[in-house]
Amino acid sequence: MDNPADERQAEHQVLAHIQDLVAEEHRLLEKRAAGDADHDRLTRVQVELDQCWDLLRQRRALRETGSDPGRAEIRPPDIVEKYIG
């Protein structure tokens, strides 16, 4: 993406998706505390959150180094789930 406005929009979309996932994660955690078994969905949401945060970090790192943030890609769960901290 060469247009800074497009880059900001793409980052805004990632952040909005993160916010939606965090809200869903909180709902699922509350339900789970009440005894509802949504463990599989909660796991998928948490993995997707990790992927989104990774994508956002990639975009920012590419931008900071003068590269195209549009080159950032969603990495598979088996990669992002091995990150520490």
PDB file of N, CA and C in Angstrom:
ATOM      1  N   MET A   1       0.843  -1.182   0.000  1.00  0.00           N
ATOM      2  CA  MET A   1       0.000   0.000   0.000  1.00  0.00           C
ATOM      3  C   MET A   1       0.881   1.237   0.000  1.00  0.00           C
ATOM      4  N   ASP A   2       0.690   2.073  -0.979  1.00  0.00           N
ATOM      5  CA  ASP A   2       1.483   3.278  -1.049  1.00  0.00           C
ATOM      6  C   ASP A   2       0.787   4.451  -0.399  1.00  0.00           C
ATOM      7  N   ASN A   3      -0.495   4.387  -0.263  1.00  0.00           N
ATOM      8  CA  ASN A   3      -1.279   5.481   0.277  1.00  0.00           C
ATOM      9  C   ASN A   3      -1.316   5.392   1.805  1.00  0.00           C
ATOM     10  N   PRO A   4      -0.782   6.420   2.508  1.00  0.00           N
ATOM     11  CA  PRO A   4      -0.798   6.386   3.974  1.00  0.00           C
ATOM     12  C   PRO A   4      -2.205   6.250   4.564  1.00  0.00           C
ATOM     13  N   ALA A   5      -3.205   6.830   3.899  1.00  0.00           N
ATOM     14  CA  ALA A   5      -4.583   6.711   4.389  1.00  0.00           C
ATOM     15  C   ALA A   5      -5.051   5.261   4.310  1.00  0.00           C
ATOM     16  N   ASP A   6      -4.677   4.551   3.248  1.00  0.00           N
ATOM     17  CA  ASP A   6      -5.025   3.132   3.122  1.00  0.00           C
ATOM     18  C   ASP A   6      -4.332   2.308   4.205  1.00  0.00           C
ATOM     19  N   GLU A   7      -3.069   2.647   4.496  1.00  0.00           N
ATOM     20  CA  GLU A   7      -2.315   1.947   5.533  1.00  0.00           C
ATOM     21  C   GLU A   7      -2.973   2.145   6.894  1.00  0.00           C
ATOM     22  N   ARG A   8      -3.375   3.375   7.177  1.00  0.00           N
ATOM     23  CA  ARG A   8      -4.044   3.662   8.450  1.00  0.00           C
ATOM     24  C   ARG A   8      -5.371   2.914   8.536  1.00  0.00           C
ATOM     25  N   GLN A   9      -6.104   2.861   7.426  1.00  0.00           N
ATOM     26  CA  GLN A   9      -7.392   2.146   7.396  1.00  0.00           C
ATOM     27  C   GLN A   9      -7.177   0.658   7.648  1.00  0.00           C
ATOM     28  N   ALA A  10      -6.159   0.082   7.024  1.00  0.00           N
ATOM     29  CA  ALA A  10      -5.880  -1.345   7.217  1.00  0.00           C
ATOM     30  C   ALA A  10      -5.527  -1.619   8.670  1.00  0.00           C
ATOM     31  N   GLU A  11      -4.709  -0.753   9.268  1.00  0.00           N
ATOM     32  CA  GLU A  11      -4.345  -0.932  10.673  1.00  0.00           C
ATOM     33  C   GLU A  11      -5.566  -0.745  11.577  1.00  0.00           C
ATOM     34  N   HIS A  12      -6.407   0.211  11.237  1.00  0.00           N
ATOM     35  CA  HIS A  12      -7.633   0.438  12.008  1.00  0.00           C
ATOM     36  C   HIS A  12      -8.526  -0.804  11.966  1.00  0.00           C
ATOM     37  N   GLN A  13      -8.605  -1.442  10.804  1.00  0.00           N
ATOM     38  CA  GLN A  13      -9.425  -2.650  10.675  1.00  0.00           C
ATOM     39  C   GLN A  13      -8.877  -3.781  11.537  1.00  0.00           C
ATOM     40  N   VAL A  14      -7.558  -3.918  11.570  1.00  0.00           N
ATOM     41  CA  VAL A  14      -6.955  -4.958  12.413  1.00  0.00           C
ATOM     42  C   VAL A  14      -7.262  -4.666  13.884  1.00  0.00           C
ATOM     43  N   LEU A  15      -7.103  -3.412  14.294  1.00  0.00           N
ATOM     44  CA  LEU A  15      -7.386  -3.040  15.686  1.00  0.00           C
ATOM     45  C   LEU A  15      -8.855  -3.247  16.042  1.00  0.00           C
ATOM     46  N   ALA A  16      -9.748  -2.925  15.133  1.00  0.00           N
ATOM     47  CA  ALA A  16     -11.183  -3.123  15.382  1.00  0.00           C
ATOM     48  C   ALA A  16     -11.490  -4.609  15.534  1.00  0.00           C
ATOM     49  N   HIS A  17     -10.852  -5.429  14.716  1.00  0.00           N
ATOM     50  CA  HIS A  17     -11.064  -6.872  14.815  1.00  0.00           C
ATOM     51  C   HIS A  17     -10.529  -7.393  16.149  1.00  0.00           C
ATOM     52  N   ILE A  18      -9.386  -6.868  16.577  1.00  0.00           N
ATOM     53  CA  ILE A  18      -8.821  -7.248  17.876  1.00  0.00           C
ATOM     54  C   ILE A  18      -9.808  -6.897  18.984  1.00  0.00           C
ATOM     55  N   GLN A  19     -10.388  -5.716  18.923  1.00  0.00           N
ATOM     56  CA  GLN A  19     -11.358  -5.302  19.942  1.00  0.00           C
ATOM     57  C   GLN A  19     -12.564  -6.235  19.970  1.00  0.00           C
ATOM     58  N   ASP A  20     -13.042  -6.622  18.802  1.00  0.00           N
ATOM     59  CA  ASP A  20     -14.178  -7.560  18.732  1.00  0.00           C
ATOM     60  C   ASP A  20     -13.811  -8.909  19.351  1.00  0.00           C
ATOM     61  N   LEU A  21     -12.607  -9.390  19.033  1.00  0.00           N
ATOM     62  CA  LEU A  21     -12.167 -10.672  19.570  1.00  0.00           C
ATOM     63  C   LEU A  21     -11.990 -10.621  21.083  1.00  0.00           C
ATOM     64  N   VAL A  22     -11.434  -9.514  21.585  1.00  0.00           N
ATOM     65  CA  VAL A  22     -11.265  -9.368  23.034  1.00  0.00           C
ATOM     66  C   VAL A  22     -12.627  -9.379  23.728  1.00  0.00           C
ATOM     67  N   ALA A  23     -13.592  -8.688  23.149  1.00  0.00           N
ATOM     68  CA  ALA A  23     -14.940  -8.676  23.734  1.00  0.00           C
ATOM     69  C   ALA A  23     -15.529 -10.087  23.744  1.00  0.00           C
ATOM     70  N   GLU A  24     -15.355 -10.820  22.649  1.00  0.00           N
ATOM     71  CA  GLU A  24     -15.867 -12.188  22.601  1.00  0.00           C
ATOM     72  C   GLU A  24     -15.132 -13.078  23.607  1.00  0.00           C
ATOM     73  N   GLU A  25     -13.818 -12.887  23.711  1.00  0.00           N
ATOM     74  CA  GLU A  25     -13.041 -13.658  24.680  1.00  0.00           C
ATOM     75  C   GLU A  25     -13.579 -13.432  26.095  1.00  0.00           C
ATOM     76  N   HIS A  26     -13.851 -12.186  26.435  1.00  0.00           N
ATOM     77  CA  HIS A  26     -14.376 -11.880  27.767  1.00  0.00           C
ATOM     78  C   HIS A  26     -15.748 -12.532  27.990  1.00  0.00           C
ATOM     79  N   ARG A  27     -16.609 -12.474  26.982  1.00  0.00           N
ATOM     80  CA  ARG A  27     -17.925 -13.118  27.096  1.00  0.00           C
ATOM     81  C   ARG A  27     -17.780 -14.621  27.324  1.00  0.00           C
ATOM     82  N   LEU A  28     -16.888 -15.233  26.552  1.00  0.00           N
ATOM     83  CA  LEU A  28     -16.691 -16.677  26.680  1.00  0.00           C
ATOM     84  C   LEU A  28     -16.096 -17.042  28.037  1.00  0.00           C
ATOM     85  N   LEU A  29     -15.180 -16.233  28.518  1.00  0.00           N
ATOM     86  CA  LEU A  29     -14.595 -16.498  29.834  1.00  0.00           C
ATOM     87  C   LEU A  29     -15.643 -16.376  30.933  1.00  0.00           C
ATOM     88  N   GLU A  30     -16.540 -15.410  30.807  1.00  0.00           N
ATOM     89  CA  GLU A  30     -17.610 -15.248  31.789  1.00  0.00           C
ATOM     90  C   GLU A  30     -18.561 -16.438  31.750  1.00  0.00           C
ATOM     91  N   LYS A  31     -18.914 -16.884  30.545  1.00  0.00           N
ATOM     92  CA  LYS A  31     -19.798 -18.041  30.405  1.00  0.00           C
ATOM     93  C   LYS A  31     -19.140 -19.289  30.973  1.00  0.00           C
ATOM     94  N   ARG A  32     -17.857 -19.414  30.693  1.00  0.00           N
ATOM     95  CA  ARG A  32     -17.118 -20.586  31.160  1.00  0.00           C
ATOM     96  C   ARG A  32     -17.081 -20.616  32.681  1.00  0.00           C
ATOM     97  N   ALA A  33     -16.925 -19.446  33.281  1.00  0.00           N
ATOM     98  CA  ALA A  33     -16.940 -19.362  34.737  1.00  0.00           C
ATOM     99  C   ALA A  33     -18.292 -19.782  35.279  1.00  0.00           C
ATOM    100  N   ALA A  34     -19.336 -19.598  34.474  1.00  0.00           N
ATOM    101  CA  ALA A  34     -20.688 -19.988  34.885  1.00  0.00           C
ATOM    102  C   ALA A  34     -20.972 -21.458  34.559  1.00  0.00           C
ATOM    103  N   GLY A  35     -19.985 -22.145  33.977  1.00  0.00           N
ATOM    104  CA  GLY A  35     -20.145 -23.571  33.719  1.00  0.00           C
ATOM    105  C   GLY A  35     -20.427 -23.939  32.275  1.00  0.00           C
ATOM    106  N   ASP A  36     -20.541 -22.959  31.385  1.00  0.00           N
ATOM    107  CA  ASP A  36     -20.805 -23.249  29.980  1.00  0.00           C
ATOM    108  C   ASP A  36     -19.513 -23.749  29.322  1.00  0.00           C
ATOM    109  N   ALA A  37     -19.615 -24.728  28.468  1.00  0.00           N
ATOM    110  CA  ALA A  37     -18.434 -25.338  27.853  1.00  0.00           C
ATOM    111  C   ALA A  37     -18.205 -24.799  26.440  1.00  0.00           C
ATOM    112  N   ASP A  38     -17.639 -23.626  26.328  1.00  0.00           N
ATOM    113  CA  ASP A  38     -17.275 -23.050  25.027  1.00  0.00           C
ATOM    114  C   ASP A  38     -15.763 -23.052  24.867  1.00  0.00           C
ATOM    115  N   HIS A  39     -15.128 -24.079  25.395  1.00  0.00           N
ATOM    116  CA  HIS A  39     -13.668 -24.134  25.409  1.00  0.00           C
ATOM    117  C   HIS A  39     -13.065 -24.052  24.003  1.00  0.00           C
ATOM    118  N   ASP A  40     -13.633 -24.793  23.052  1.00  0.00           N
ATOM    119  CA  ASP A  40     -13.074 -24.809  21.693  1.00  0.00           C
ATOM    120  C   ASP A  40     -13.125 -23.423  21.054  1.00  0.00           C
ATOM    121  N   ARG A  41     -14.250 -22.750  21.175  1.00  0.00           N
ATOM    122  CA  ARG A  41     -14.371 -21.401  20.605  1.00  0.00           C
ATOM    123  C   ARG A  41     -13.406 -20.438  21.299  1.00  0.00           C
ATOM    124  N   LEU A  42     -13.283 -20.540  22.606  1.00  0.00           N
ATOM    125  CA  LEU A  42     -12.365 -19.686  23.342  1.00  0.00           C
ATOM    126  C   LEU A  42     -10.933 -19.896  22.856  1.00  0.00           C
ATOM    127  N   THR A  43     -10.558 -21.133  22.648  1.00  0.00           N
ATOM    128  CA  THR A  43      -9.212 -21.432  22.148  1.00  0.00           C
ATOM    129  C   THR A  43      -9.001 -20.815  20.770  1.00  0.00           C
ATOM    130  N   ARG A  44     -10.002 -20.940  19.889  1.00  0.00           N
ATOM    131  CA  ARG A  44      -9.882 -20.370  18.541  1.00  0.00           C
ATOM    132  C   ARG A  44      -9.779 -18.847  18.593  1.00  0.00           C
ATOM    133  N   VAL A  45     -10.554 -18.219  19.466  1.00  0.00           N
ATOM    134  CA  VAL A  45     -10.508 -16.759  19.608  1.00  0.00           C
ATOM    135  C   VAL A  45      -9.130 -16.329  20.100  1.00  0.00           C
ATOM    136  N   GLN A  46      -8.580 -17.043  21.063  1.00  0.00           N
ATOM    137  CA  GLN A  46      -7.275 -16.676  21.598  1.00  0.00           C
ATOM    138  C   GLN A  46      -6.172 -16.836  20.559  1.00  0.00           C
ATOM    139  N   VAL A  47      -6.251 -17.869  19.746  1.00  0.00           N
ATOM    140  CA  VAL A  47      -5.273 -18.061  18.676  1.00  0.00           C
ATOM    141  C   VAL A  47      -5.401 -16.932  17.648  1.00  0.00           C
ATOM    142  N   GLU A  48      -6.626 -16.613  17.277  1.00  0.00           N
ATOM    143  CA  GLU A  48      -6.840 -15.537  16.302  1.00  0.00           C
ATOM    144  C   GLU A  48      -6.355 -14.198  16.847  1.00  0.00           C
ATOM    145  N   LEU A  49      -6.538 -13.972  18.134  1.00  0.00           N
ATOM    146  CA  LEU A  49      -6.014 -12.754  18.758  1.00  0.00           C
ATOM    147  C   LEU A  49      -4.497 -12.705  18.635  1.00  0.00           C
ATOM    148  N   ASP A  50      -3.840 -13.815  18.917  1.00  0.00           N
ATOM    149  CA  ASP A  50      -2.385 -13.863  18.783  1.00  0.00           C
ATOM    150  C   ASP A  50      -1.957 -13.563  17.347  1.00  0.00           C
ATOM    151  N   GLN A  51      -2.699 -14.101  16.387  1.00  0.00           N
ATOM    152  CA  GLN A  51      -2.378 -13.850  14.978  1.00  0.00           C
ATOM    153  C   GLN A  51      -2.559 -12.377  14.625  1.00  0.00           C
ATOM    154  N   CYS A  52      -3.615 -11.761  15.123  1.00  0.00           N
ATOM    155  CA  CYS A  52      -3.874 -10.350  14.828  1.00  0.00           C
ATOM    156  C   CYS A  52      -2.809  -9.455  15.446  1.00  0.00           C
ATOM    157  N   TRP A  53      -2.448  -9.728  16.700  1.00  0.00           N
ATOM    158  CA  TRP A  53      -1.392  -8.932  17.340  1.00  0.00           C
ATOM    159  C   TRP A  53      -0.078  -9.093  16.578  1.00  0.00           C
ATOM    160  N   ASP A  54       0.218 -10.305  16.140  1.00  0.00           N
ATOM    161  CA  ASP A  54       1.430 -10.547  15.362  1.00  0.00           C
ATOM    162  C   ASP A  54       1.396  -9.759  14.051  1.00  0.00           C
ATOM    163  N   LEU A  55       0.255  -9.766  13.377  1.00  0.00           N
ATOM    164  CA  LEU A  55       0.106  -9.026  12.129  1.00  0.00           C
ATOM    165  C   LEU A  55       0.333  -7.534  12.362  1.00  0.00           C
ATOM    166  N   LEU A  56      -0.234  -7.010  13.429  1.00  0.00           N
ATOM    167  CA  LEU A  56      -0.072  -5.597  13.755  1.00  0.00           C
ATOM    168  C   LEU A  56       1.400  -5.271  14.040  1.00  0.00           C
ATOM    169  N   ARG A  57       2.083  -6.135  14.788  1.00  0.00           N
ATOM    170  CA  ARG A  57       3.514  -5.914  15.061  1.00  0.00           C
ATOM    171  C   ARG A  57       4.323  -5.955  13.775  1.00  0.00           C
ATOM    172  N   GLN A  58       3.996  -6.892  12.882  1.00  0.00           N
ATOM    173  CA  GLN A  58       4.695  -6.973  11.588  1.00  0.00           C
ATOM    174  C   GLN A  58       4.522  -5.680  10.801  1.00  0.00           C
ATOM    175  N   ARG A  59       3.268  -5.203  10.726  1.00  0.00           N
ATOM    176  CA  ARG A  59       2.980  -3.980   9.960  1.00  0.00           C
ATOM    177  C   ARG A  59       3.772  -2.805  10.507  1.00  0.00           C
ATOM    178  N   ARG A  60       3.799  -2.673  11.825  1.00  0.00           N
ATOM    179  CA  ARG A  60       4.510  -1.551  12.444  1.00  0.00           C
ATOM    180  C   ARG A  60       6.015  -1.666  12.239  1.00  0.00           C
ATOM    181  N   ALA A  61       6.545  -2.865  12.340  1.00  0.00           N
ATOM    182  CA  ALA A  61       7.983  -3.062  12.124  1.00  0.00           C
ATOM    183  C   ALA A  61       8.357  -2.751  10.678  1.00  0.00           C
ATOM    184  N   LEU A  62       7.540  -3.185   9.739  1.00  0.00           N
ATOM    185  CA  LEU A  62       7.824  -2.892   8.332  1.00  0.00           C
ATOM    186  C   LEU A  62       7.787  -1.382   8.074  1.00  0.00           C
ATOM    187  N   ARG A  63       6.798  -0.713   8.637  1.00  0.00           N
ATOM    188  CA  ARG A  63       6.676   0.733   8.452  1.00  0.00           C
ATOM    189  C   ARG A  63       7.897   1.449   9.040  1.00  0.00           C
ATOM    190  N   GLU A  64       8.307   1.050  10.251  1.00  0.00           N
ATOM    191  CA  GLU A  64       9.436   1.684  10.920  1.00  0.00           C
ATOM    192  C   GLU A  64      10.739   1.506  10.161  1.00  0.00           C
ATOM    193  N   THR A  65      10.858   0.441   9.393  1.00  0.00           N
ATOM    194  CA  THR A  65      12.082   0.198   8.636  1.00  0.00           C
ATOM    195  C   THR A  65      11.981   0.699   7.194  1.00  0.00           C
ATOM    196  N   GLY A  66      10.899   1.413   6.907  1.00  0.00           N
ATOM    197  CA  GLY A  66      10.736   1.992   5.571  1.00  0.00           C
ATOM    198  C   GLY A  66      10.202   1.019   4.535  1.00  0.00           C
ATOM    199  N   SER A  67       9.739  -0.131   4.967  1.00  0.00           N
ATOM    200  CA  SER A  67       9.180  -1.119   4.048  1.00  0.00           C
ATOM    201  C   SER A  67       7.667  -0.971   3.983  1.00  0.00           C
ATOM    202  N   ASP A  68       7.076  -1.669   3.053  1.00  0.00           N
ATOM    203  CA  ASP A  68       5.626  -1.633   2.844  1.00  0.00           C
ATOM    204  C   ASP A  68       4.917  -2.470   3.895  1.00  0.00           C
ATOM    205  N   PRO A  69       4.122  -1.845   4.780  1.00  0.00           N
ATOM    206  CA  PRO A  69       3.397  -2.625   5.790  1.00  0.00           C
ATOM    207  C   PRO A  69       2.394  -3.592   5.180  1.00  0.00           C
ATOM    208  N   GLY A  70       2.024  -3.363   3.940  1.00  0.00           N
ATOM    209  CA  GLY A  70       1.107  -4.257   3.255  1.00  0.00           C
ATOM    210  C   GLY A  70       1.715  -5.628   2.985  1.00  0.00           C
ATOM    211  N   ARG A  71       3.020  -5.751   3.173  1.00  0.00           N
ATOM    212  CA  ARG A  71       3.678  -7.047   2.987  1.00  0.00           C
ATOM    213  C   ARG A  71       3.483  -7.975   4.184  1.00  0.00           C
ATOM    214  N   ALA A  72       2.969  -7.442   5.291  1.00  0.00           N
ATOM    215  CA  ALA A  72       2.736  -8.268   6.478  1.00  0.00           C
ATOM    216  C   ALA A  72       1.694  -9.325   6.147  1.00  0.00           C
ATOM    217  N   GLU A  73       1.878 -10.496   6.713  1.00  0.00           N
ATOM    218  CA  GLU A  73       0.969 -11.607   6.455  1.00  0.00           C
ATOM    219  C   GLU A  73       0.541 -12.254   7.760  1.00  0.00           C
ATOM    220  N   ILE A  74      -0.665 -12.784   7.766  1.00  0.00           N
ATOM    221  CA  ILE A  74      -1.121 -13.547   8.921  1.00  0.00           C
ATOM    222  C   ILE A  74      -0.343 -14.856   8.938  1.00  0.00           C
ATOM    223  N   ARG A  75       0.336 -15.092  10.054  1.00  0.00           N
ATOM    224  CA  ARG A  75       1.123 -16.315  10.173  1.00  0.00           C
ATOM    225  C   ARG A  75       0.254 -17.422  10.777  1.00  0.00           C
ATOM    226  N   PRO A  76       0.579 -18.667  10.450  1.00  0.00           N
ATOM    227  CA  PRO A  76      -0.224 -19.789  10.954  1.00  0.00           C
ATOM    228  C   PRO A  76      -0.118 -19.924  12.477  1.00  0.00           C
ATOM    229  N   PRO A  77      -1.143 -20.516  13.079  1.00  0.00           N
ATOM    230  CA  PRO A  77      -1.156 -20.677  14.539  1.00  0.00           C
ATOM    231  C   PRO A  77       0.078 -21.380  15.091  1.00  0.00           C
ATOM    232  N   ASP A  78       0.587 -22.377  14.372  1.00  0.00           N
ATOM    233  CA  ASP A  78       1.727 -23.117  14.918  1.00  0.00           C
ATOM    234  C   ASP A  78       2.976 -22.254  15.022  1.00  0.00           C
ATOM    235  N   ILE A  79       2.998 -21.115  14.345  1.00  0.00           N
ATOM    236  CA  ILE A  79       4.125 -20.182  14.481  1.00  0.00           C
ATOM    237  C   ILE A  79       3.860 -19.184  15.602  1.00  0.00           C
ATOM    238  N   VAL A  80       2.711 -18.509  15.566  1.00  0.00           N
ATOM    239  CA  VAL A  80       2.457 -17.456  16.559  1.00  0.00           C
ATOM    240  C   VAL A  80       2.253 -18.026  17.959  1.00  0.00           C
ATOM    241  N   GLU A  81       1.801 -19.254  18.065  1.00  0.00           N
ATOM    242  CA  GLU A  81       1.568 -19.840  19.385  1.00  0.00           C
ATOM    243  C   GLU A  81       2.870 -20.273  20.063  1.00  0.00           C
ATOM    244  N   LYS A  82       3.974 -20.239  19.331  1.00  0.00           N
ATOM    245  CA  LYS A  82       5.267 -20.600  19.929  1.00  0.00           C
ATOM    246  C   LYS A  82       5.992 -19.383  20.479  1.00  0.00           C
ATOM    247  N   TYR A  83       5.465 -18.185  20.243  1.00  0.00           N
ATOM    248  CA  TYR A  83       6.081 -16.972  20.764  1.00  0.00           C
ATOM    249  C   TYR A  83       5.968 -16.943  22.272  1.00  0.00           C
ATOM    250  N   ILE A  84       6.944 -16.343  22.885  1.00  0.00           N
ATOM    251  CA  ILE A  84       6.921 -16.164  24.350  1.00  0.00           C
ATOM    252  C   ILE A  84       6.790 -14.682  24.625  1.00  0.00           C
ATOM    253  N   GLY A  85       5.829 -14.341  25.512  1.00  0.00           N
ATOM    254  CA  GLY A  85       5.648 -12.941  25.938  1.00  0.00           C
ATOM    255  C   GLY A  85       5.203 -12.126  24.857  1.00  0.00           C
TER     256      GLY A  85
END
